[in-house]
PDB file of N, CA and C in Angstrom:
ATOM      1  N   MET A   1      13.144  -4.299  32.875  1.00  0.00           N
ATOM      2  CA  MET A   1      14.005  -5.065  31.986  1.00  0.00           C
ATOM      3  C   MET A   1      14.056  -4.345  30.644  1.00  0.00           C
ATOM      4  N   GLY A   2      15.206  -3.872  30.238  1.00  0.00           N
ATOM      5  CA  GLY A   2      15.359  -3.115  28.998  1.00  0.00           C
ATOM      6  C   GLY A   2      15.697  -4.012  27.823  1.00  0.00           C
ATOM      7  N   ILE A   3      15.803  -3.398  26.687  1.00  0.00           N
ATOM      8  CA  ILE A   3      16.089  -4.153  25.458  1.00  0.00           C
ATOM      9  C   ILE A   3      17.476  -4.762  25.504  1.00  0.00           C
ATOM     10  N   GLY A   4      18.431  -4.058  26.061  1.00  0.00           N
ATOM     11  CA  GLY A   4      19.795  -4.564  26.091  1.00  0.00           C
ATOM     12  C   GLY A   4      20.040  -5.607  27.164  1.00  0.00           C
ATOM     13  N   SER A   5      19.044  -5.953  27.951  1.00  0.00           N
ATOM     14  CA  SER A   5      19.257  -6.881  29.055  1.00  0.00           C
ATOM     15  C   SER A   5      18.783  -8.300  28.744  1.00  0.00           C
ATOM     16  N   GLY A   6      18.821  -8.691  27.492  1.00  0.00           N
ATOM     17  CA  GLY A   6      18.473 -10.054  27.138  1.00  0.00           C
ATOM     18  C   GLY A   6      17.003 -10.276  26.839  1.00  0.00           C
ATOM     19  N   MET A   7      16.193  -9.246  26.881  1.00  0.00           N
ATOM     20  CA  MET A   7      14.770  -9.393  26.588  1.00  0.00           C
ATOM     21  C   MET A   7      14.566  -9.643  25.095  1.00  0.00           C
ATOM     22  N   LEU A   8      13.820 -10.657  24.752  1.00  0.00           N
ATOM     23  CA  LEU A   8      13.553 -10.952  23.355  1.00  0.00           C
ATOM     24  C   LEU A   8      12.317 -10.207  22.896  1.00  0.00           C
ATOM     25  N   LEU A   9      12.440  -9.532  21.778  1.00  0.00           N
ATOM     26  CA  LEU A   9      11.301  -8.824  21.213  1.00  0.00           C
ATOM     27  C   LEU A   9      10.588  -9.734  20.225  1.00  0.00           C
ATOM     28  N   PRO A  10       9.275  -9.613  20.099  1.00  0.00           N
ATOM     29  CA  PRO A  10       8.562 -10.440  19.121  1.00  0.00           C
ATOM     30  C   PRO A  10       9.012 -10.073  17.714  1.00  0.00           C
ATOM     31  N   THR A  11       9.149 -11.076  16.887  1.00  0.00           N
ATOM     32  CA  THR A  11       9.555 -10.827  15.507  1.00  0.00           C
ATOM     33  C   THR A  11       8.411 -11.171  14.577  1.00  0.00           C
ATOM     34  N   ARG A  12       8.381 -10.507  13.448  1.00  0.00           N
ATOM     35  CA  ARG A  12       7.376 -10.777  12.424  1.00  0.00           C
ATOM     36  C   ARG A  12       7.986 -10.423  11.083  1.00  0.00           C
ATOM     37  N   PRO A  13       7.427 -10.942  10.026  1.00  0.00           N
ATOM     38  CA  PRO A  13       7.968 -10.604   8.717  1.00  0.00           C
ATOM     39  C   PRO A  13       7.860  -9.096   8.480  1.00  0.00           C
ATOM     40  N   PRO A  14       8.728  -8.538   7.660  1.00  0.00           N
ATOM     41  CA  PRO A  14       8.685  -7.100   7.413  1.00  0.00           C
ATOM     42  C   PRO A  14       7.491  -6.678   6.570  1.00  0.00           C
ATOM     43  N   TYR A  15       6.737  -7.611   6.053  1.00  0.00           N
ATOM     44  CA  TYR A  15       5.562  -7.283   5.258  1.00  0.00           C
ATOM     45  C   TYR A  15       4.573  -8.428   5.358  1.00  0.00           C
ATOM     46  N   ARG A  16       3.348  -8.159   4.946  1.00  0.00           N
ATOM     47  CA  ARG A  16       2.334  -9.206   4.958  1.00  0.00           C
ATOM     48  C   ARG A  16       1.510  -9.101   3.685  1.00  0.00           C
ATOM     49  N   ILE A  17       0.902 -10.202   3.309  1.00  0.00           N
ATOM     50  CA  ILE A  17       0.066 -10.207   2.118  1.00  0.00           C
ATOM     51  C   ILE A  17      -1.288  -9.617   2.486  1.00  0.00           C
ATOM     52  N   ILE A  18      -1.738  -8.632   1.723  1.00  0.00           N
ATOM     53  CA  ILE A  18      -2.983  -7.939   2.010  1.00  0.00           C
ATOM     54  C   ILE A  18      -3.960  -8.193   0.880  1.00  0.00           C
ATOM     55  N   GLY A  19      -5.161  -8.575   1.228  1.00  0.00           N
ATOM     56  CA  GLY A  19      -6.229  -8.722   0.241  1.00  0.00           C
ATOM     57  C   GLY A  19      -5.851  -9.680  -0.870  1.00  0.00           C
ATOM     58  N   ASP A  20      -5.965  -9.213  -2.111  1.00  0.00           N
ATOM     59  CA  ASP A  20      -5.740 -10.067  -3.268  1.00  0.00           C
ATOM     60  C   ASP A  20      -4.343  -9.898  -3.858  1.00  0.00           C
ATOM     61  N   MET A  21      -3.370  -9.566  -3.035  1.00  0.00           N
ATOM     62  CA  MET A  21      -2.021  -9.333  -3.555  1.00  0.00           C
ATOM     63  C   MET A  21      -1.416 -10.598  -4.162  1.00  0.00           C
ATOM     64  N   ALA A  22      -1.813 -11.772  -3.711  1.00  0.00           N
ATOM     65  CA  ALA A  22      -1.262 -13.002  -4.254  1.00  0.00           C
ATOM     66  C   ALA A  22      -1.953 -13.406  -5.552  1.00  0.00           C
ATOM     67  N   ASN A  23      -3.047 -12.754  -5.908  1.00  0.00           N
ATOM     68  CA  ASN A  23      -3.804 -13.112  -7.102  1.00  0.00           C
ATOM     69  C   ASN A  23      -3.539 -12.141  -8.240  1.00  0.00           C
ATOM     70  N   ASN A  24      -2.272 -11.849  -8.500  1.00  0.00           N
ATOM     71  CA  ASN A  24      -1.987 -10.919  -9.587  1.00  0.00           C
ATOM     72  C   ASN A  24      -2.117 -11.626 -10.930  1.00  0.00           C
ATOM     73  N   THR A  25      -2.137 -10.847 -12.004  1.00  0.00           N
ATOM     74  CA  THR A  25      -2.394 -11.401 -13.325  1.00  0.00           C
ATOM     75  C   THR A  25      -1.194 -12.136 -13.913  1.00  0.00           C
ATOM     76  N   ASN A  26      -0.013 -11.955 -13.348  1.00  0.00           N
ATOM     77  CA  ASN A  26       1.178 -12.621 -13.886  1.00  0.00           C
ATOM     78  C   ASN A  26       1.411 -13.993 -13.256  1.00  0.00           C
ATOM     79  N   ASN A  27       0.498 -14.443 -12.413  1.00  0.00           N
ATOM     80  CA  ASN A  27       0.590 -15.736 -11.727  1.00  0.00           C
ATOM     81  C   ASN A  27       1.875 -15.877 -10.925  1.00  0.00           C
ATOM     82  N   GLU A  28       2.343 -14.770 -10.359  1.00  0.00           N
ATOM     83  CA  GLU A  28       3.511 -14.791  -9.492  1.00  0.00           C
ATOM     84  C   GLU A  28       3.068 -14.366  -8.101  1.00  0.00           C
ATOM     85  N   LEU A  29       3.748 -14.853  -7.091  1.00  0.00           N
ATOM     86  CA  LEU A  29       3.462 -14.420  -5.738  1.00  0.00           C
ATOM     87  C   LEU A  29       4.091 -13.051  -5.538  1.00  0.00           C
ATOM     88  N   ILE A  30       3.294 -12.093  -5.127  1.00  0.00           N
ATOM     89  CA  ILE A  30       3.822 -10.768  -4.834  1.00  0.00           C
ATOM     90  C   ILE A  30       4.338 -10.821  -3.408  1.00  0.00           C
ATOM     91  N   SER A  31       5.629 -10.580  -3.233  1.00  0.00           N
ATOM     92  CA  SER A  31       6.230 -10.764  -1.930  1.00  0.00           C
ATOM     93  C   SER A  31       6.190  -9.511  -1.070  1.00  0.00           C
ATOM     94  N   LYS A  32       6.031  -8.338  -1.661  1.00  0.00           N
ATOM     95  CA  LYS A  32       6.005  -7.098  -0.904  1.00  0.00           C
ATOM     96  C   LYS A  32       4.847  -6.234  -1.399  1.00  0.00           C
ATOM     97  N   PRO A  33       4.290  -5.409  -0.533  1.00  0.00           N
ATOM     98  CA  PRO A  33       3.232  -4.508  -0.984  1.00  0.00           C
ATOM     99  C   PRO A  33       3.668  -3.587  -2.117  1.00  0.00           C
ATOM    100  N   SER A  34       4.926  -3.155  -2.116  1.00  0.00           N
ATOM    101  CA  SER A  34       5.405  -2.251  -3.173  1.00  0.00           C
ATOM    102  C   SER A  34       5.423  -2.921  -4.545  1.00  0.00           C
ATOM    103  N   ASP A  35       5.379  -4.256  -4.586  1.00  0.00           N
ATOM    104  CA  ASP A  35       5.322  -4.955  -5.876  1.00  0.00           C
ATOM    105  C   ASP A  35       4.011  -4.679  -6.607  1.00  0.00           C
ATOM    106  N   LEU A  36       2.981  -4.259  -5.875  1.00  0.00           N
ATOM    107  CA  LEU A  36       1.720  -3.901  -6.524  1.00  0.00           C
ATOM    108  C   LEU A  36       1.912  -2.753  -7.510  1.00  0.00           C
ATOM    109  N   LEU A  37       2.827  -1.845  -7.201  1.00  0.00           N
ATOM    110  CA  LEU A  37       3.073  -0.703  -8.081  1.00  0.00           C
ATOM    111  C   LEU A  37       3.879  -1.094  -9.307  1.00  0.00           C
ATOM    112  N   ARG A  38       4.518  -2.239  -9.266  1.00  0.00           N
ATOM    113  CA  ARG A  38       5.325  -2.699 -10.405  1.00  0.00           C
ATOM    114  C   ARG A  38       4.544  -3.565 -11.377  1.00  0.00           C
ATOM    115  N   ASP A  39       3.296  -3.879 -11.046  1.00  0.00           N
ATOM    116  CA  ASP A  39       2.454  -4.704 -11.911  1.00  0.00           C
ATOM    117  C   ASP A  39       1.832  -3.811 -12.982  1.00  0.00           C
ATOM    118  N   PRO A  40       2.210  -3.983 -14.262  1.00  0.00           N
ATOM    119  CA  PRO A  40       1.700  -3.108 -15.313  1.00  0.00           C
ATOM    120  C   PRO A  40       0.213  -3.287 -15.591  1.00  0.00           C
ATOM    121  N   ASP A  41      -0.388  -4.389 -15.162  1.00  0.00           N
ATOM    122  CA  ASP A  41      -1.800  -4.644 -15.418  1.00  0.00           C
ATOM    123  C   ASP A  41      -2.714  -4.081 -14.330  1.00  0.00           C
ATOM    124  N   ARG A  42      -2.153  -3.575 -13.259  1.00  0.00           N
ATOM    125  CA  ARG A  42      -2.953  -3.083 -12.136  1.00  0.00           C
ATOM    126  C   ARG A  42      -3.097  -1.568 -12.243  1.00  0.00           C
ATOM    127  N   ASP A  43      -4.343  -1.085 -12.291  1.00  0.00           N
ATOM    128  CA  ASP A  43      -4.616   0.346 -12.400  1.00  0.00           C
ATOM    129  C   ASP A  43      -4.901   0.993 -11.051  1.00  0.00           C
ATOM    130  N   THR A  44      -5.476   0.227 -10.127  1.00  0.00           N
ATOM    131  CA  THR A  44      -5.817   0.773  -8.818  1.00  0.00           C
ATOM    132  C   THR A  44      -5.441  -0.206  -7.720  1.00  0.00           C
ATOM    133  N   ILE A  45      -5.327   0.325  -6.508  1.00  0.00           N
ATOM    134  CA  ILE A  45      -5.119  -0.477  -5.310  1.00  0.00           C
ATOM    135  C   ILE A  45      -6.058   0.056  -4.235  1.00  0.00           C
ATOM    136  N   THR A  46      -6.294  -0.737  -3.223  1.00  0.00           N
ATOM    137  CA  THR A  46      -7.162  -0.299  -2.135  1.00  0.00           C
ATOM    138  C   THR A  46      -6.400   0.646  -1.210  1.00  0.00           C
ATOM    139  N   ILE A  47      -7.132   1.320  -0.361  1.00  0.00           N
ATOM    140  CA  ILE A  47      -6.488   2.206   0.612  1.00  0.00           C
ATOM    141  C   ILE A  47      -5.621   1.388   1.567  1.00  0.00           C
ATOM    142  N   ALA A  48      -6.063   0.189   1.927  1.00  0.00           N
ATOM    143  CA  ALA A  48      -5.280  -0.672   2.823  1.00  0.00           C
ATOM    144  C   ALA A  48      -3.957  -1.074   2.166  1.00  0.00           C
ATOM    145  N   GLN A  49      -3.985  -1.401   0.877  1.00  0.00           N
ATOM    146  CA  GLN A  49      -2.755  -1.760   0.176  1.00  0.00           C
ATOM    147  C   GLN A  49      -1.834  -0.550   0.054  1.00  0.00           C
ATOM    148  N   ALA A  50      -2.402   0.631  -0.227  1.00  0.00           N
ATOM    149  CA  ALA A  50      -1.597   1.853  -0.304  1.00  0.00           C
ATOM    150  C   ALA A  50      -0.969   2.175   1.049  1.00  0.00           C
ATOM    151  N   ALA A  51      -1.718   1.953   2.134  1.00  0.00           N
ATOM    152  CA  ALA A  51      -1.186   2.186   3.472  1.00  0.00           C
ATOM    153  C   ALA A  51       0.011   1.275   3.746  1.00  0.00           C
ATOM    154  N   ALA A  52      -0.077   0.021   3.320  1.00  0.00           N
ATOM    155  CA  ALA A  52       1.038  -0.909   3.512  1.00  0.00           C
ATOM    156  C   ALA A  52       2.265  -0.456   2.723  1.00  0.00           C
ATOM    157  N   ILE A  53       2.061   0.053   1.521  1.00  0.00           N
ATOM    158  CA  ILE A  53       3.173   0.552   0.707  1.00  0.00           C
ATOM    159  C   ILE A  53       3.840   1.739   1.394  1.00  0.00           C
ATOM    160  N   LEU A  54       3.032   2.616   1.992  1.00  0.00           N
ATOM    161  CA  LEU A  54       3.548   3.814   2.647  1.00  0.00           C
ATOM    162  C   LEU A  54       4.011   3.561   4.079  1.00  0.00           C
ATOM    163  N   CYS A  55       3.800   2.346   4.583  1.00  0.00           N
ATOM    164  CA  CYS A  55       4.167   1.971   5.958  1.00  0.00           C
ATOM    165  C   CYS A  55       3.446   2.831   6.990  1.00  0.00           C
ATOM    166  N   VAL A  56       2.166   3.068   6.748  1.00  0.00           N
ATOM    167  CA  VAL A  56       1.317   3.748   7.726  1.00  0.00           C
ATOM    168  C   VAL A  56       0.145   2.833   8.038  1.00  0.00           C
ATOM    169  N   SER A  57      -0.531   3.106   9.121  1.00  0.00           N
ATOM    170  CA  SER A  57      -1.674   2.266   9.470  1.00  0.00           C
ATOM    171  C   SER A  57      -2.839   2.560   8.531  1.00  0.00           C
ATOM    172  N   VAL A  58      -3.721   1.592   8.412  1.00  0.00           N
ATOM    173  CA  VAL A  58      -4.902   1.754   7.566  1.00  0.00           C
ATOM    174  C   VAL A  58      -5.777   2.878   8.104  1.00  0.00           C
ATOM    175  N   SER A  59      -5.890   2.990   9.416  1.00  0.00           N
ATOM    176  CA  SER A  59      -6.717   4.055   9.986  1.00  0.00           C
ATOM    177  C   SER A  59      -6.135   5.429   9.680  1.00  0.00           C
ATOM    178  N   THR A  60      -4.816   5.564   9.663  1.00  0.00           N
ATOM    179  CA  THR A  60      -4.191   6.833   9.294  1.00  0.00           C
ATOM    180  C   THR A  60      -4.490   7.174   7.845  1.00  0.00           C
ATOM    181  N   ALA A  61      -4.417   6.190   6.963  1.00  0.00           N
ATOM    182  CA  ALA A  61      -4.703   6.418   5.544  1.00  0.00           C
ATOM    183  C   ALA A  61      -6.165   6.807   5.342  1.00  0.00           C
ATOM    184  N   HIS A  62      -7.081   6.113   6.008  1.00  0.00           N
ATOM    185  CA  HIS A  62      -8.505   6.450   5.889  1.00  0.00           C
ATOM    186  C   HIS A  62      -8.796   7.832   6.462  1.00  0.00           C
ATOM    187  N   HIS A  63      -8.136   8.176   7.552  1.00  0.00           N
ATOM    188  CA  HIS A  63      -8.337   9.493   8.156  1.00  0.00           C
ATOM    189  C   HIS A  63      -7.876  10.597   7.195  1.00  0.00           C
ATOM    190  N   ALA A  64      -6.722  10.411   6.561  1.00  0.00           N
ATOM    191  CA  ALA A  64      -6.226  11.399   5.591  1.00  0.00           C
ATOM    192  C   ALA A  64      -7.201  11.538   4.423  1.00  0.00           C
ATOM    193  N   HIS A  65      -7.731  10.416   3.955  1.00  0.00           N
ATOM    194  CA  HIS A  65      -8.698  10.444   2.853  1.00  0.00           C
ATOM    195  C   HIS A  65      -9.970  11.190   3.248  1.00  0.00           C
ATOM    196  N   ARG A  66     -10.511  10.880   4.414  1.00  0.00           N
ATOM    197  CA  ARG A  66     -11.752  11.536   4.844  1.00  0.00           C
ATOM    198  C   ARG A  66     -11.545  13.029   5.100  1.00  0.00           C
ATOM    199  N   ARG A  67     -10.371  13.400   5.587  1.00  0.00           N
ATOM    200  CA  ARG A  67     -10.098  14.793   5.922  1.00  0.00           C
ATOM    201  C   ARG A  67      -9.835  15.642   4.679  1.00  0.00           C
ATOM    202  N   THR A  68      -9.084  15.100   3.702  1.00  0.00           N
ATOM    203  CA  THR A  68      -8.637  15.911   2.570  1.00  0.00           C
ATOM    204  C   THR A  68      -9.117  15.424   1.212  1.00  0.00           C
ATOM    205  N   GLY A  69      -9.539  14.167   1.112  1.00  0.00           N
ATOM    206  CA  GLY A  69      -9.866  13.590  -0.191  1.00  0.00           C
ATOM    207  C   GLY A  69      -8.648  13.001  -0.881  1.00  0.00           C
ATOM    208  N   TYR A  70      -7.486  13.149  -0.256  1.00  0.00           N
ATOM    209  CA  TYR A  70      -6.229  12.639  -0.799  1.00  0.00           C
ATOM    210  C   TYR A  70      -5.611  11.664   0.187  1.00  0.00           C
ATOM    211  N   LEU A  71      -4.870  10.704  -0.341  1.00  0.00           N
ATOM    212  CA  LEU A  71      -4.123   9.797   0.521  1.00  0.00           C
ATOM    213  C   LEU A  71      -2.852  10.489   0.994  1.00  0.00           C
ATOM    214  N   MET A  72      -2.216  11.172   0.063  1.00  0.00           N
ATOM    215  CA  MET A  72      -1.045  12.009   0.349  1.00  0.00           C
ATOM    216  C   MET A  72      -0.990  13.062  -0.744  1.00  0.00           C
ATOM    217  N   ASP A  73      -0.096  13.993  -0.637  1.00  0.00           N
ATOM    218  CA  ASP A  73      -0.014  15.086  -1.603  1.00  0.00           C
ATOM    219  C   ASP A  73       0.136  14.534  -3.021  1.00  0.00           C
ATOM    220  N   GLY A  74      -0.806  14.850  -3.895  1.00  0.00           N
ATOM    221  CA  GLY A  74      -0.759  14.407  -5.286  1.00  0.00           C
ATOM    222  C   GLY A  74      -1.385  13.057  -5.562  1.00  0.00           C
ATOM    223  N   VAL A  75      -1.951  12.414  -4.537  1.00  0.00           N
ATOM    224  CA  VAL A  75      -2.553  11.089  -4.709  1.00  0.00           C
ATOM    225  C   VAL A  75      -4.011  11.132  -4.253  1.00  0.00           C
ATOM    226  N   PRO A  76      -4.938  11.430  -5.184  1.00  0.00           N
ATOM    227  CA  PRO A  76      -6.351  11.479  -4.796  1.00  0.00           C
ATOM    228  C   PRO A  76      -6.922  10.073  -4.597  1.00  0.00           C
ATOM    229  N   VAL A  77      -7.925   9.998  -3.742  1.00  0.00           N
ATOM    230  CA  VAL A  77      -8.651   8.754  -3.541  1.00  0.00           C
ATOM    231  C   VAL A  77      -9.892   8.811  -4.421  1.00  0.00           C
ATOM    232  N   LEU A  78     -10.085   7.789  -5.246  1.00  0.00           N
ATOM    233  CA  LEU A  78     -11.208   7.727  -6.174  1.00  0.00           C
ATOM    234  C   LEU A  78     -12.324   6.905  -5.553  1.00  0.00           C
ATOM    235  N   ARG A  79     -13.519   7.433  -5.597  1.00  0.00           N
ATOM    236  CA  ARG A  79     -14.657   6.700  -5.047  1.00  0.00           C
ATOM    237  C   ARG A  79     -15.436   6.081  -6.197  1.00  0.00           C
ATOM    238  N   VAL A  80     -15.588   4.756  -6.151  1.00  0.00           N
ATOM    239  CA  VAL A  80     -16.338   4.010  -7.153  1.00  0.00           C
ATOM    240  C   VAL A  80     -17.472   3.313  -6.401  1.00  0.00           C
ATOM    241  N   GLY A  81     -18.662   3.909  -6.450  1.00  0.00           N
ATOM    242  CA  GLY A  81     -19.758   3.396  -5.637  1.00  0.00           C
ATOM    243  C   GLY A  81     -19.417   3.571  -4.173  1.00  0.00           C
ATOM    244  N   ARG A  82     -19.383   2.478  -3.434  1.00  0.00           N
ATOM    245  CA  ARG A  82     -18.996   2.532  -2.020  1.00  0.00           C
ATOM    246  C   ARG A  82     -17.523   2.239  -1.817  1.00  0.00           C
ATOM    247  N   ARG A  83     -16.839   1.875  -2.888  1.00  0.00           N
ATOM    248  CA  ARG A  83     -15.445   1.467  -2.794  1.00  0.00           C
ATOM    249  C   ARG A  83     -14.516   2.650  -3.045  1.00  0.00           C
ATOM    250  N   CYS A  84     -13.473   2.762  -2.250  1.00  0.00           N
ATOM    251  CA  CYS A  84     -12.472   3.813  -2.420  1.00  0.00           C
ATOM    252  C   CYS A  84     -11.169   3.165  -2.864  1.00  0.00           C
ATOM    253  N   VAL A  85     -10.619   3.662  -3.968  1.00  0.00           N
ATOM    254  CA  VAL A  85      -9.382   3.099  -4.513  1.00  0.00           C
ATOM    255  C   VAL A  85      -8.396   4.225  -4.799  1.00  0.00           C
ATOM    256  N   VAL A  86      -7.149   3.844  -5.017  1.00  0.00           N
ATOM    257  CA  VAL A  86      -6.074   4.779  -5.294  1.00  0.00           C
ATOM    258  C   VAL A  86      -5.447   4.384  -6.625  1.00  0.00           C
ATOM    259  N   SER A  87      -5.183   5.350  -7.474  1.00  0.00           N
ATOM    260  CA  SER A  87      -4.550   5.099  -8.762  1.00  0.00           C
ATOM    261  C   SER A  87      -3.089   4.711  -8.550  1.00  0.00           C
ATOM    262  N   THR A  88      -2.681   3.609  -9.178  1.00  0.00           N
ATOM    263  CA  THR A  88      -1.281   3.200  -9.049  1.00  0.00           C
ATOM    264  C   THR A  88      -0.354   4.182  -9.760  1.00  0.00           C
ATOM    265  N   SER A  89      -0.791   4.780 -10.864  1.00  0.00           N
ATOM    266  CA  SER A  89       0.083   5.729 -11.553  1.00  0.00           C
ATOM    267  C   SER A  89       0.299   6.987 -10.707  1.00  0.00           C
ATOM    268  N   ALA A  90      -0.726   7.439  -9.971  1.00  0.00           N
ATOM    269  CA  ALA A  90      -0.553   8.589  -9.081  1.00  0.00           C
ATOM    270  C   ALA A  90       0.399   8.250  -7.931  1.00  0.00           C
ATOM    271  N   MET A  91       0.289   7.028  -7.401  1.00  0.00           N
ATOM    272  CA  MET A  91       1.211   6.595  -6.336  1.00  0.00           C
ATOM    273  C   MET A  91       2.640   6.538  -6.858  1.00  0.00           C
ATOM    274  N   ARG A  92       2.812   5.990  -8.076  1.00  0.00           N
ATOM    275  CA  ARG A  92       4.158   5.903  -8.651  1.00  0.00           C
ATOM    276  C   ARG A  92       4.767   7.294  -8.800  1.00  0.00           C
ATOM    277  N   ARG A  93       3.981   8.232  -9.342  1.00  0.00           N
ATOM    278  CA  ARG A  93       4.487   9.600  -9.531  1.00  0.00           C
ATOM    279  C   ARG A  93       4.884  10.223  -8.203  1.00  0.00           C
ATOM    280  N   ALA A  94       4.034  10.078  -7.189  1.00  0.00           N
ATOM    281  CA  ALA A  94       4.308  10.671  -5.884  1.00  0.00           C
ATOM    282  C   ALA A  94       5.534  10.067  -5.212  1.00  0.00           C
ATOM    283  N   LEU A  95       5.775   8.780  -5.447  1.00  0.00           N
ATOM    284  CA  LEU A  95       6.900   8.085  -4.823  1.00  0.00           C
ATOM    285  C   LEU A  95       8.155   8.077  -5.701  1.00  0.00           C
ATOM    286  N   GLY A  96       8.049   8.610  -6.927  1.00  0.00           N
ATOM    287  CA  GLY A  96       9.213   8.654  -7.812  1.00  0.00           C
ATOM    288  C   GLY A  96       9.569   7.313  -8.436  1.00  0.00           C
ATOM    289  N   ILE A  97       8.569   6.472  -8.629  1.00  0.00           N
ATOM    290  CA  ILE A  97       8.789   5.154  -9.245  1.00  0.00           C
ATOM    291  C   ILE A  97       8.387   5.243 -10.714  1.00  0.00           C
ATOM    292  N   ARG A  98       9.240   4.737 -11.592  1.00  0.00           N
ATOM    293  CA  ARG A  98       8.921   4.762 -13.036  1.00  0.00           C
ATOM    294  C   ARG A  98       7.766   3.848 -13.361  1.00  0.00           C
ATOM    295  N   GLU A  99       7.027   4.215 -14.405  1.00  0.00           N
ATOM    296  CA  GLU A  99       5.925   3.375 -14.882  1.00  0.00           C
ATOM    297  C   GLU A  99       6.481   2.063 -15.412  1.00  0.00           C
ATOM    298  N   PRO A 100       5.833   0.917 -15.068  1.00  0.00           N
ATOM    299  CA  PRO A 100       6.314  -0.367 -15.606  1.00  0.00           C
ATOM    300  C   PRO A 100       6.005  -0.471 -17.095  1.00  0.00           C
ATOM    301  N   ILE A 101       6.810  -1.237 -17.767  1.00  0.00           N
ATOM    302  CA  ILE A 101       6.646  -1.408 -19.220  1.00  0.00           C
ATOM    303  C   ILE A 101       5.800  -2.618 -19.501  1.00  0.00           C
TER     304      ILE A 101
END
């Protein structure tokens, strides 16, 4: 039974809330992972949140970090104790997004 033969595919929202994305400092619900990069008060995001922004799996993002030390070209992963985070300004630069005011 193919897709064109009446088979219904499971549907899901195009994005999901990850971690503390709903607890931003502006008291607004962040509806998309990319909204994390538009928050001027946020300096870092987790690797899982960065993976959602890039539309890759978390395991792919962690594998890239362990292999190269970078999430993607120009975006280093910062280790703070046992926690690994990504700079939002580095993500913005790599993705061509202007810094929020």
